[in-house]
N, C-alpha and C. Protein backbone atom coordinates (compact mmCIF):
# COMPACT_ATOMS: atom_id res chain seq x y z
N MET A 1 -120.24 13.59 -74.98
CA MET A 1 -119.95 12.38 -73.98
C MET A 1 -118.52 12.81 -73.23
N GLY A 2 -117.77 13.72 -73.74
CA GLY A 2 -116.64 14.12 -73.05
C GLY A 2 -115.59 12.99 -72.92
N TYR A 3 -114.96 12.97 -71.63
CA TYR A 3 -113.93 12.06 -71.31
C TYR A 3 -114.32 10.54 -71.42
N TYR A 4 -115.69 10.31 -70.96
CA TYR A 4 -116.27 9.16 -71.02
C TYR A 4 -116.17 8.48 -72.60
N GLY A 5 -116.43 9.23 -73.50
CA GLY A 5 -116.23 8.92 -74.95
C GLY A 5 -114.71 8.55 -75.23
N VAL A 6 -113.92 9.35 -74.70
CA VAL A 6 -112.41 9.19 -75.02
C VAL A 6 -112.08 7.80 -74.35
N PHE A 7 -112.49 7.52 -73.21
CA PHE A 7 -112.14 6.22 -72.67
C PHE A 7 -112.73 5.03 -73.38
N MET A 8 -114.01 5.11 -73.74
CA MET A 8 -114.51 4.19 -74.61
C MET A 8 -113.71 3.96 -75.98
N GLY A 9 -113.47 5.06 -76.60
CA GLY A 9 -112.59 5.03 -77.86
C GLY A 9 -111.25 4.28 -77.55
N LEU A 10 -110.59 4.41 -76.42
CA LEU A 10 -109.31 3.89 -75.98
C LEU A 10 -109.52 2.25 -75.87
N GLN A 11 -110.76 2.06 -75.21
CA GLN A 11 -111.04 0.63 -75.05
C GLN A 11 -111.28 -0.08 -76.37
N TYR A 12 -111.93 0.57 -77.21
CA TYR A 12 -112.27 -0.03 -78.54
C TYR A 12 -110.81 -0.26 -79.32
N GLN A 13 -110.01 0.75 -79.37
CA GLN A 13 -108.74 0.74 -79.99
C GLN A 13 -107.95 -0.48 -79.34
N ASN A 14 -108.09 -0.69 -78.06
CA ASN A 14 -107.27 -1.84 -77.62
C ASN A 14 -107.84 -3.12 -77.73
N ASN A 15 -109.22 -3.12 -77.91
CA ASN A 15 -109.66 -4.46 -78.37
C ASN A 15 -109.37 -4.79 -79.75
N VAL A 16 -109.50 -3.86 -80.61
CA VAL A 16 -109.01 -4.06 -81.97
C VAL A 16 -107.64 -4.47 -82.13
N ALA A 17 -106.70 -3.92 -81.52
CA ALA A 17 -105.31 -4.20 -81.50
C ALA A 17 -104.80 -5.56 -80.91
N MET A 18 -105.54 -5.75 -79.79
CA MET A 18 -105.25 -7.11 -79.29
C MET A 18 -105.88 -8.27 -80.07
N THR A 19 -107.08 -7.98 -80.61
CA THR A 19 -107.51 -9.08 -81.34
C THR A 19 -106.74 -9.32 -82.63
N ARG A 20 -106.29 -8.26 -83.38
CA ARG A 20 -105.32 -8.45 -84.50
C ARG A 20 -104.11 -9.16 -84.06
N SER A 21 -103.48 -8.79 -82.98
CA SER A 21 -102.24 -9.42 -82.71
C SER A 21 -102.46 -10.95 -82.31
N ILE A 22 -103.54 -11.17 -81.55
CA ILE A 22 -103.78 -12.60 -81.32
C ILE A 22 -104.06 -13.37 -82.59
N ASP A 23 -104.91 -12.87 -83.42
CA ASP A 23 -105.34 -13.67 -84.67
C ASP A 23 -104.01 -13.99 -85.46
N SER A 24 -103.13 -12.90 -85.42
CA SER A 24 -101.90 -13.15 -86.34
C SER A 24 -100.88 -13.79 -85.57
N ASN A 25 -100.99 -14.32 -84.36
CA ASN A 25 -100.18 -15.09 -83.38
C ASN A 25 -98.78 -14.05 -83.13
N GLN A 26 -99.01 -12.90 -82.88
CA GLN A 26 -97.95 -12.01 -82.54
C GLN A 26 -98.09 -11.65 -81.07
N TYR A 27 -97.67 -12.59 -80.42
CA TYR A 27 -97.67 -12.62 -78.89
C TYR A 27 -96.75 -13.55 -78.45
N GLU A 28 -96.18 -13.44 -77.16
CA GLU A 28 -95.10 -14.17 -76.67
C GLU A 28 -95.82 -15.37 -75.92
N GLU A 29 -95.42 -16.65 -76.33
CA GLU A 29 -95.88 -17.80 -75.60
C GLU A 29 -95.66 -17.80 -74.15
N SER A 30 -94.49 -17.16 -73.77
CA SER A 30 -94.11 -17.21 -72.41
C SER A 30 -95.12 -16.34 -71.59
N GLN A 31 -95.69 -15.42 -72.19
CA GLN A 31 -96.79 -14.48 -71.38
C GLN A 31 -98.13 -15.06 -71.37
N THR A 32 -98.33 -16.26 -71.90
CA THR A 32 -99.60 -16.91 -71.84
C THR A 32 -99.89 -17.71 -70.59
N VAL A 33 -101.13 -17.75 -70.10
CA VAL A 33 -101.36 -18.52 -68.93
C VAL A 33 -102.43 -19.68 -69.47
N THR A 34 -102.22 -20.91 -68.99
CA THR A 34 -103.00 -22.00 -69.38
C THR A 34 -103.82 -22.37 -67.98
N ILE A 35 -105.06 -22.46 -68.43
CA ILE A 35 -106.15 -22.97 -67.39
C ILE A 35 -106.67 -24.20 -67.71
N LYS A 36 -106.72 -25.08 -66.90
CA LYS A 36 -107.34 -26.54 -67.13
C LYS A 36 -108.64 -26.65 -66.25
N ILE A 37 -109.64 -26.96 -66.81
CA ILE A 37 -110.95 -26.98 -66.09
C ILE A 37 -111.40 -28.39 -66.26
N PRO A 38 -111.60 -29.08 -65.26
CA PRO A 38 -112.31 -30.54 -65.46
C PRO A 38 -113.64 -30.37 -65.64
N ILE A 39 -114.26 -30.75 -66.79
CA ILE A 39 -115.61 -30.67 -67.00
C ILE A 39 -116.10 -31.71 -67.92
N ALA A 40 -117.26 -32.56 -67.45
CA ALA A 40 -117.78 -33.62 -68.25
C ALA A 40 -119.00 -33.13 -69.18
N VAL A 41 -118.81 -33.10 -70.28
CA VAL A 41 -119.92 -32.52 -71.26
C VAL A 41 -120.22 -33.68 -72.15
N PRO A 42 -121.56 -34.23 -71.99
CA PRO A 42 -122.03 -35.41 -72.76
C PRO A 42 -122.03 -35.05 -74.17
N TYR A 43 -121.63 -36.05 -75.03
CA TYR A 43 -121.87 -35.87 -76.56
C TYR A 43 -120.86 -34.94 -77.10
N MET A 44 -119.73 -34.47 -76.29
CA MET A 44 -118.80 -33.48 -76.78
C MET A 44 -117.65 -34.24 -77.37
N ASN A 45 -117.20 -34.05 -78.51
CA ASN A 45 -115.97 -34.70 -79.15
C ASN A 45 -114.81 -34.21 -78.64
N ASP A 46 -113.72 -35.01 -78.52
CA ASP A 46 -112.46 -34.45 -78.12
C ASP A 46 -111.82 -33.79 -79.27
N ASN A 47 -111.08 -32.62 -79.02
CA ASN A 47 -110.46 -31.87 -79.99
C ASN A 47 -108.82 -32.13 -79.79
N ALA A 48 -108.20 -32.44 -80.78
CA ALA A 48 -106.83 -32.77 -80.51
C ALA A 48 -106.03 -31.38 -80.73
N ALA A 49 -106.52 -30.47 -81.40
CA ALA A 49 -105.89 -29.08 -81.68
C ALA A 49 -106.71 -28.07 -81.01
N PHE A 50 -105.98 -27.00 -80.77
CA PHE A 50 -106.73 -25.76 -80.18
C PHE A 50 -107.45 -25.01 -81.08
N GLU A 51 -108.47 -24.42 -80.79
CA GLU A 51 -109.35 -23.57 -81.51
C GLU A 51 -109.29 -22.13 -81.03
N ARG A 52 -109.40 -21.27 -82.01
CA ARG A 52 -109.26 -19.75 -81.57
C ARG A 52 -110.50 -19.34 -80.94
N VAL A 53 -110.36 -18.69 -79.77
CA VAL A 53 -111.66 -18.10 -79.20
C VAL A 53 -111.40 -16.66 -78.82
N ASP A 54 -112.37 -15.87 -78.59
CA ASP A 54 -112.27 -14.53 -78.25
C ASP A 54 -113.08 -14.23 -77.13
N GLY A 55 -112.54 -13.47 -76.15
CA GLY A 55 -113.27 -13.00 -74.91
C GLY A 55 -112.27 -12.35 -73.92
N ILE A 56 -112.75 -11.88 -72.94
CA ILE A 56 -111.95 -11.08 -71.98
C ILE A 56 -112.63 -11.31 -70.55
N PHE A 57 -111.81 -11.55 -69.51
CA PHE A 57 -112.25 -11.72 -68.17
C PHE A 57 -111.42 -11.14 -67.16
N GLU A 58 -111.89 -10.79 -66.08
CA GLU A 58 -111.07 -10.25 -64.90
C GLU A 58 -110.89 -11.21 -63.82
N TYR A 59 -109.73 -11.45 -63.31
CA TYR A 59 -109.42 -12.19 -62.21
C TYR A 59 -108.37 -11.45 -61.30
N LYS A 60 -108.75 -11.34 -60.03
CA LYS A 60 -107.94 -10.62 -59.11
C LYS A 60 -107.34 -9.39 -59.60
N GLY A 61 -108.22 -8.47 -60.27
CA GLY A 61 -107.67 -7.18 -60.63
C GLY A 61 -106.89 -7.27 -61.98
N GLN A 62 -106.58 -8.30 -62.50
CA GLN A 62 -105.92 -8.43 -63.63
C GLN A 62 -106.94 -8.80 -64.85
N TYR A 63 -106.65 -8.30 -66.09
CA TYR A 63 -107.48 -8.68 -67.08
C TYR A 63 -106.87 -9.59 -68.13
N TYR A 64 -107.46 -10.55 -68.58
CA TYR A 64 -106.99 -11.58 -69.39
C TYR A 64 -107.84 -11.67 -70.71
N ARG A 65 -107.12 -11.88 -71.81
CA ARG A 65 -107.82 -12.19 -73.12
C ARG A 65 -107.65 -13.61 -73.38
N LEU A 66 -108.86 -14.35 -73.82
CA LEU A 66 -108.81 -15.67 -74.22
C LEU A 66 -108.23 -15.73 -75.56
N VAL A 67 -107.21 -16.78 -75.72
CA VAL A 67 -106.53 -17.02 -77.08
C VAL A 67 -106.96 -18.15 -77.87
N LYS A 68 -106.92 -19.20 -77.07
CA LYS A 68 -107.37 -20.61 -77.76
C LYS A 68 -108.00 -21.54 -76.66
N GLN A 69 -108.71 -22.55 -77.04
CA GLN A 69 -109.12 -23.58 -76.25
C GLN A 69 -109.19 -24.93 -77.00
N LYS A 70 -109.22 -25.94 -76.12
CA LYS A 70 -109.52 -27.23 -76.60
C LYS A 70 -110.23 -28.19 -75.52
N TYR A 71 -111.02 -28.99 -76.05
CA TYR A 71 -111.70 -29.87 -75.00
C TYR A 71 -111.23 -31.27 -75.40
N GLN A 72 -110.54 -31.86 -74.24
CA GLN A 72 -109.91 -33.24 -74.54
C GLN A 72 -109.97 -34.04 -73.12
N HIS A 73 -110.49 -35.29 -73.19
CA HIS A 73 -110.62 -36.16 -72.14
C HIS A 73 -111.30 -35.58 -70.86
N ASP A 74 -112.36 -34.94 -71.14
CA ASP A 74 -113.22 -34.38 -69.95
C ASP A 74 -112.50 -33.19 -69.36
N THR A 75 -111.58 -32.53 -70.13
CA THR A 75 -110.90 -31.36 -69.56
C THR A 75 -110.92 -30.23 -70.50
N LEU A 76 -111.32 -29.03 -70.07
CA LEU A 76 -111.33 -27.83 -71.03
C LEU A 76 -110.05 -27.23 -70.85
N THR A 77 -109.10 -26.99 -71.80
CA THR A 77 -107.84 -26.22 -71.70
C THR A 77 -108.03 -24.96 -72.24
N VAL A 78 -107.81 -23.89 -71.58
CA VAL A 78 -107.99 -22.53 -72.07
C VAL A 78 -106.73 -21.80 -71.99
N VAL A 79 -106.20 -20.96 -72.98
CA VAL A 79 -104.97 -20.28 -73.08
C VAL A 79 -105.39 -18.90 -73.20
N CYS A 80 -104.70 -18.14 -72.28
CA CYS A 80 -105.18 -16.68 -72.29
C CYS A 80 -103.73 -16.01 -71.95
N ILE A 81 -104.00 -14.60 -72.31
CA ILE A 81 -102.87 -13.82 -72.07
C ILE A 81 -103.30 -12.40 -71.25
N ARG A 82 -102.43 -11.95 -70.54
CA ARG A 82 -102.69 -10.81 -69.58
C ARG A 82 -102.74 -9.53 -70.56
N ASP A 83 -103.91 -8.79 -70.30
CA ASP A 83 -104.08 -7.58 -71.10
C ASP A 83 -103.87 -6.37 -70.11
N VAL A 84 -102.45 -5.83 -70.24
CA VAL A 84 -102.19 -4.80 -69.46
C VAL A 84 -102.76 -3.55 -69.73
N GLU A 85 -103.01 -3.21 -70.98
CA GLU A 85 -103.47 -1.95 -71.39
C GLU A 85 -104.94 -1.82 -70.98
N ASN A 86 -105.71 -2.86 -71.01
CA ASN A 86 -107.20 -2.87 -70.57
C ASN A 86 -107.08 -2.46 -69.02
N LYS A 87 -106.29 -2.98 -68.31
CA LYS A 87 -106.24 -2.78 -66.82
C LYS A 87 -105.92 -1.11 -66.65
N ARG A 88 -105.04 -0.62 -67.44
CA ARG A 88 -104.73 0.80 -67.36
C ARG A 88 -105.91 1.69 -67.76
N ILE A 89 -106.61 1.18 -68.71
CA ILE A 89 -107.84 2.01 -69.04
C ILE A 89 -108.85 2.02 -68.06
N HIS A 90 -109.09 0.83 -67.53
CA HIS A 90 -110.07 0.64 -66.35
C HIS A 90 -109.86 1.35 -65.14
N GLU A 91 -108.42 1.41 -64.84
CA GLU A 91 -108.01 2.36 -63.66
C GLU A 91 -108.24 3.63 -63.99
N ALA A 92 -108.00 4.21 -65.05
CA ALA A 92 -108.11 5.66 -65.57
C ALA A 92 -109.74 5.91 -65.51
N ILE A 93 -110.51 4.99 -65.95
CA ILE A 93 -111.99 5.20 -65.71
C ILE A 93 -112.33 5.41 -64.31
N SER A 94 -111.89 4.43 -63.68
CA SER A 94 -112.26 4.46 -62.15
C SER A 94 -111.77 5.71 -61.38
N SER A 95 -110.44 6.18 -61.66
CA SER A 95 -110.11 7.33 -61.12
C SER A 95 -110.86 8.59 -61.58
N PHE A 96 -111.27 8.50 -62.90
CA PHE A 96 -112.16 9.65 -63.44
C PHE A 96 -113.50 9.78 -62.78
N VAL A 97 -114.07 8.60 -62.57
CA VAL A 97 -115.34 8.49 -61.94
C VAL A 97 -115.22 8.89 -60.40
N LYS A 98 -114.22 8.70 -59.70
CA LYS A 98 -114.01 9.02 -58.36
C LYS A 98 -113.90 10.67 -58.11
N THR A 99 -113.52 11.17 -59.19
CA THR A 99 -113.62 12.73 -59.10
C THR A 99 -115.01 13.39 -58.95
N PHE A 100 -115.95 12.65 -59.45
CA PHE A 100 -117.23 13.12 -59.24
C PHE A 100 -117.88 12.90 -57.87
N THR A 101 -117.40 11.68 -57.23
CA THR A 101 -117.96 11.29 -56.11
C THR A 101 -117.12 11.53 -54.90
N ASP A 102 -115.93 11.33 -54.83
CA ASP A 102 -115.00 11.38 -53.78
C ASP A 102 -114.68 12.87 -53.29
N LYS A 103 -115.18 13.39 -52.21
CA LYS A 103 -114.74 14.72 -51.85
C LYS A 103 -113.99 14.70 -50.51
N ALA A 104 -113.12 15.63 -50.25
CA ALA A 104 -112.56 15.56 -48.92
C ALA A 104 -113.46 16.10 -47.88
N ALA A 105 -113.43 15.66 -46.71
CA ALA A 105 -114.43 15.76 -45.55
C ALA A 105 -114.49 17.26 -45.19
N ASP A 106 -113.42 17.95 -45.33
CA ASP A 106 -113.48 19.51 -44.91
C ASP A 106 -113.83 20.31 -45.87
N SER A 107 -113.89 20.03 -47.19
CA SER A 107 -114.26 20.85 -48.26
C SER A 107 -115.69 21.02 -48.70
N HIS A 108 -116.21 22.33 -48.61
CA HIS A 108 -117.57 22.49 -49.10
C HIS A 108 -118.62 21.73 -48.35
N HIS A 109 -118.77 22.07 -47.08
CA HIS A 109 -119.79 21.27 -46.23
C HIS A 109 -121.15 21.39 -46.81
N GLY A 110 -121.66 22.50 -47.27
CA GLY A 110 -122.87 22.92 -47.62
C GLY A 110 -122.99 22.65 -49.21
N ALA A 111 -122.07 22.32 -49.89
CA ALA A 111 -122.22 22.12 -51.34
C ALA A 111 -123.01 20.81 -51.76
N LYS A 112 -123.64 20.88 -52.67
CA LYS A 112 -124.28 19.67 -53.23
C LYS A 112 -123.41 18.79 -53.85
N ASN A 113 -123.52 17.43 -53.63
CA ASN A 113 -122.61 16.48 -54.35
C ASN A 113 -123.18 16.26 -55.63
N THR A 114 -122.18 16.28 -56.57
CA THR A 114 -122.45 16.15 -58.03
C THR A 114 -122.40 14.65 -58.24
N VAL A 115 -123.45 13.99 -58.76
CA VAL A 115 -123.51 12.69 -59.18
C VAL A 115 -123.60 12.56 -60.52
N SER A 116 -122.95 11.68 -61.16
CA SER A 116 -123.05 11.51 -62.80
C SER A 116 -123.88 10.26 -63.03
N PHE A 117 -124.90 10.52 -63.80
CA PHE A 117 -125.77 9.42 -64.10
C PHE A 117 -125.57 9.18 -65.68
N ILE A 118 -124.45 9.43 -66.21
CA ILE A 118 -124.26 9.15 -67.65
C ILE A 118 -124.43 7.76 -67.93
N LYS A 119 -124.03 6.86 -67.19
CA LYS A 119 -124.10 5.35 -67.36
C LYS A 119 -125.52 4.93 -67.66
N ASP A 120 -126.66 5.70 -67.00
CA ASP A 120 -127.96 5.37 -67.08
C ASP A 120 -128.54 5.71 -68.54
N TYR A 121 -127.95 6.61 -69.10
CA TYR A 121 -128.54 7.02 -70.38
C TYR A 121 -127.76 6.58 -71.67
N ILE A 122 -126.57 5.85 -71.49
CA ILE A 122 -125.82 5.21 -72.65
C ILE A 122 -126.20 3.66 -72.72
N VAL A 123 -126.71 3.43 -73.83
CA VAL A 123 -127.04 2.07 -74.17
C VAL A 123 -125.83 1.27 -74.44
N GLN A 124 -125.63 0.10 -73.57
CA GLN A 124 -124.52 -0.67 -73.79
C GLN A 124 -125.08 -2.09 -74.20
N THR A 125 -124.52 -2.76 -75.22
CA THR A 125 -125.03 -4.10 -75.57
C THR A 125 -124.01 -5.16 -75.16
N PHE A 126 -124.54 -6.07 -74.60
CA PHE A 126 -123.72 -7.27 -74.09
C PHE A 126 -124.06 -8.49 -74.92
N THR A 127 -122.89 -9.00 -75.58
CA THR A 127 -123.10 -10.24 -76.23
C THR A 127 -121.91 -11.18 -75.86
N ILE A 128 -122.12 -12.40 -75.99
CA ILE A 128 -121.12 -13.47 -75.73
C ILE A 128 -121.03 -14.15 -76.97
N LYS A 129 -119.82 -14.20 -77.52
CA LYS A 129 -119.63 -14.85 -78.93
C LYS A 129 -118.56 -15.83 -78.64
N SER A 130 -118.58 -16.93 -79.39
CA SER A 130 -117.52 -17.91 -79.34
C SER A 130 -117.48 -18.39 -80.81
N ILE A 131 -116.11 -18.67 -81.25
CA ILE A 131 -115.83 -19.06 -82.58
C ILE A 131 -116.19 -20.56 -82.70
N SER A 132 -116.15 -21.33 -81.64
CA SER A 132 -116.33 -22.80 -81.81
C SER A 132 -117.75 -23.07 -81.59
N GLY A 133 -118.18 -24.14 -82.52
CA GLY A 133 -119.41 -24.55 -82.61
C GLY A 133 -119.75 -25.43 -81.29
N GLY A 134 -121.05 -25.32 -80.96
CA GLY A 134 -121.53 -26.05 -79.73
C GLY A 134 -121.29 -25.19 -78.37
N TRP A 135 -120.44 -24.19 -78.42
CA TRP A 135 -120.28 -23.32 -77.15
C TRP A 135 -120.81 -22.05 -77.39
N GLN A 136 -121.81 -21.77 -78.24
CA GLN A 136 -122.06 -20.46 -78.68
C GLN A 136 -123.53 -20.08 -78.02
N ARG A 137 -123.59 -18.95 -77.38
CA ARG A 137 -124.85 -18.42 -76.87
C ARG A 137 -124.78 -16.86 -76.86
N GLU A 138 -125.83 -16.35 -77.44
CA GLU A 138 -125.94 -14.80 -77.58
C GLU A 138 -126.88 -14.37 -76.42
N VAL A 139 -126.39 -13.39 -75.82
CA VAL A 139 -127.13 -12.83 -74.76
C VAL A 139 -127.51 -11.42 -75.11
N GLU A 140 -128.76 -11.05 -75.21
CA GLU A 140 -129.07 -9.80 -75.52
C GLU A 140 -129.94 -9.09 -74.54
N THR A 141 -129.56 -7.82 -74.13
CA THR A 141 -130.46 -7.10 -73.11
C THR A 141 -131.00 -6.07 -73.71
N SER A 142 -132.10 -5.74 -73.34
CA SER A 142 -133.13 -4.70 -74.08
C SER A 142 -133.67 -3.85 -72.94
N GLY A 143 -134.04 -2.56 -73.26
CA GLY A 143 -134.54 -1.75 -72.27
C GLY A 143 -136.08 -1.54 -72.41
N HIS A 144 -136.57 -2.36 -73.43
CA HIS A 144 -137.94 -2.33 -73.59
C HIS A 144 -138.80 -2.96 -72.53
N SER A 145 -139.93 -2.44 -72.19
CA SER A 145 -140.82 -3.09 -71.07
C SER A 145 -141.46 -4.18 -71.75
N ARG A 146 -141.61 -5.24 -71.03
CA ARG A 146 -142.17 -6.55 -71.46
C ARG A 146 -143.62 -6.61 -71.01
N HIS A 147 -144.49 -6.79 -71.94
CA HIS A 147 -145.89 -6.87 -71.53
C HIS A 147 -146.25 -8.35 -71.97
N LEU A 148 -147.04 -8.91 -71.17
CA LEU A 148 -147.53 -10.20 -71.38
C LEU A 148 -148.67 -10.26 -72.34
N ILE A 149 -148.58 -10.88 -73.51
CA ILE A 149 -149.70 -10.91 -74.48
C ILE A 149 -150.13 -12.44 -74.66
N PRO A 150 -151.38 -12.51 -74.40
CA PRO A 150 -151.99 -14.04 -74.63
C PRO A 150 -151.72 -14.52 -75.99
N SER A 151 -151.07 -15.67 -75.92
CA SER A 151 -150.74 -16.28 -77.18
C SER A 151 -151.92 -17.32 -77.80
N PHE A 152 -152.91 -17.45 -77.02
CA PHE A 152 -154.04 -18.25 -77.50
C PHE A 152 -155.46 -17.87 -76.89
N ILE A 153 -156.48 -18.10 -77.57
CA ILE A 153 -157.79 -17.65 -77.19
C ILE A 153 -158.27 -18.84 -76.30
N PRO A 154 -158.87 -18.68 -75.27
CA PRO A 154 -159.47 -19.78 -74.54
C PRO A 154 -160.24 -20.71 -75.31
N SER A 155 -159.95 -21.91 -75.39
CA SER A 155 -160.84 -22.88 -76.16
C SER A 155 -161.99 -23.54 -75.42
N VAL A 156 -162.06 -23.26 -74.14
CA VAL A 156 -163.18 -23.90 -73.54
C VAL A 156 -164.39 -23.19 -73.63
N ILE A 157 -165.41 -23.73 -74.25
CA ILE A 157 -166.75 -23.00 -74.39
C ILE A 157 -167.81 -23.64 -73.47
N HIS A 158 -168.37 -22.80 -72.50
CA HIS A 158 -169.25 -23.31 -71.65
C HIS A 158 -170.59 -23.58 -72.27
N PRO A 159 -171.25 -24.58 -71.78
CA PRO A 159 -172.70 -24.95 -72.40
C PRO A 159 -173.63 -23.70 -71.89
N PRO A 160 -174.65 -23.61 -72.74
CA PRO A 160 -175.70 -22.51 -72.32
C PRO A 160 -176.35 -22.81 -71.06
N GLU A 161 -176.95 -21.85 -70.45
CA GLU A 161 -177.41 -22.06 -69.04
C GLU A 161 -178.78 -22.58 -69.38
N ARG A 162 -179.35 -23.40 -68.36
CA ARG A 162 -180.74 -24.06 -68.61
C ARG A 162 -181.75 -23.01 -68.08
N GLY A 163 -182.81 -22.86 -68.76
CA GLY A 163 -183.74 -21.83 -68.30
C GLY A 163 -185.04 -22.38 -67.99
C-alpha cells in the first residue's frame, strides 16, 4: 500500500488520540466552537445537560470534531473543536496524489500519464454512529451487485379455458 497506507495509519492514530482527549476532557474550552441549529423535532425531549457525541466534519477547509450536543427548546446545540492535525494529514494526502496527476506543461510531451486507481481497489466502510439515543442511524455501503428476487409467488390462479 506504500505511502497511502502510511497516511491511513496517521489518520487512524489521530482519530484515536483526539477521541481519547475529548473523552477525558483534556481540551481547551476556549478552542471550542458552539453551533446552534434551530430545529423542531416532534416527540423529542429537552436535555438540560450535554451528551458526548463523536464525529467529524469539514467546513471551509477546516476540520472539526464533535464534542457534545444537547437538544433544548427546539434548538440543537453542538459543541465542536478544530482538528488541526487532520487538516495537515488531508493536505499531505492531497499533495501526494497531485504528484501522480499534475505534470509541468513542458516536461515529457510524449510520455503517458500515470494515473493511480488505488482508491478503486481499497474497500472503505462508511458508518454514522451517535452515542445519543434517537439520533442513531447506520449507513452501510456494499460492493455487491443487487439482484431483484421475487418475494412471493403470484397468487392469482386463472380458471381453466372452456373447450
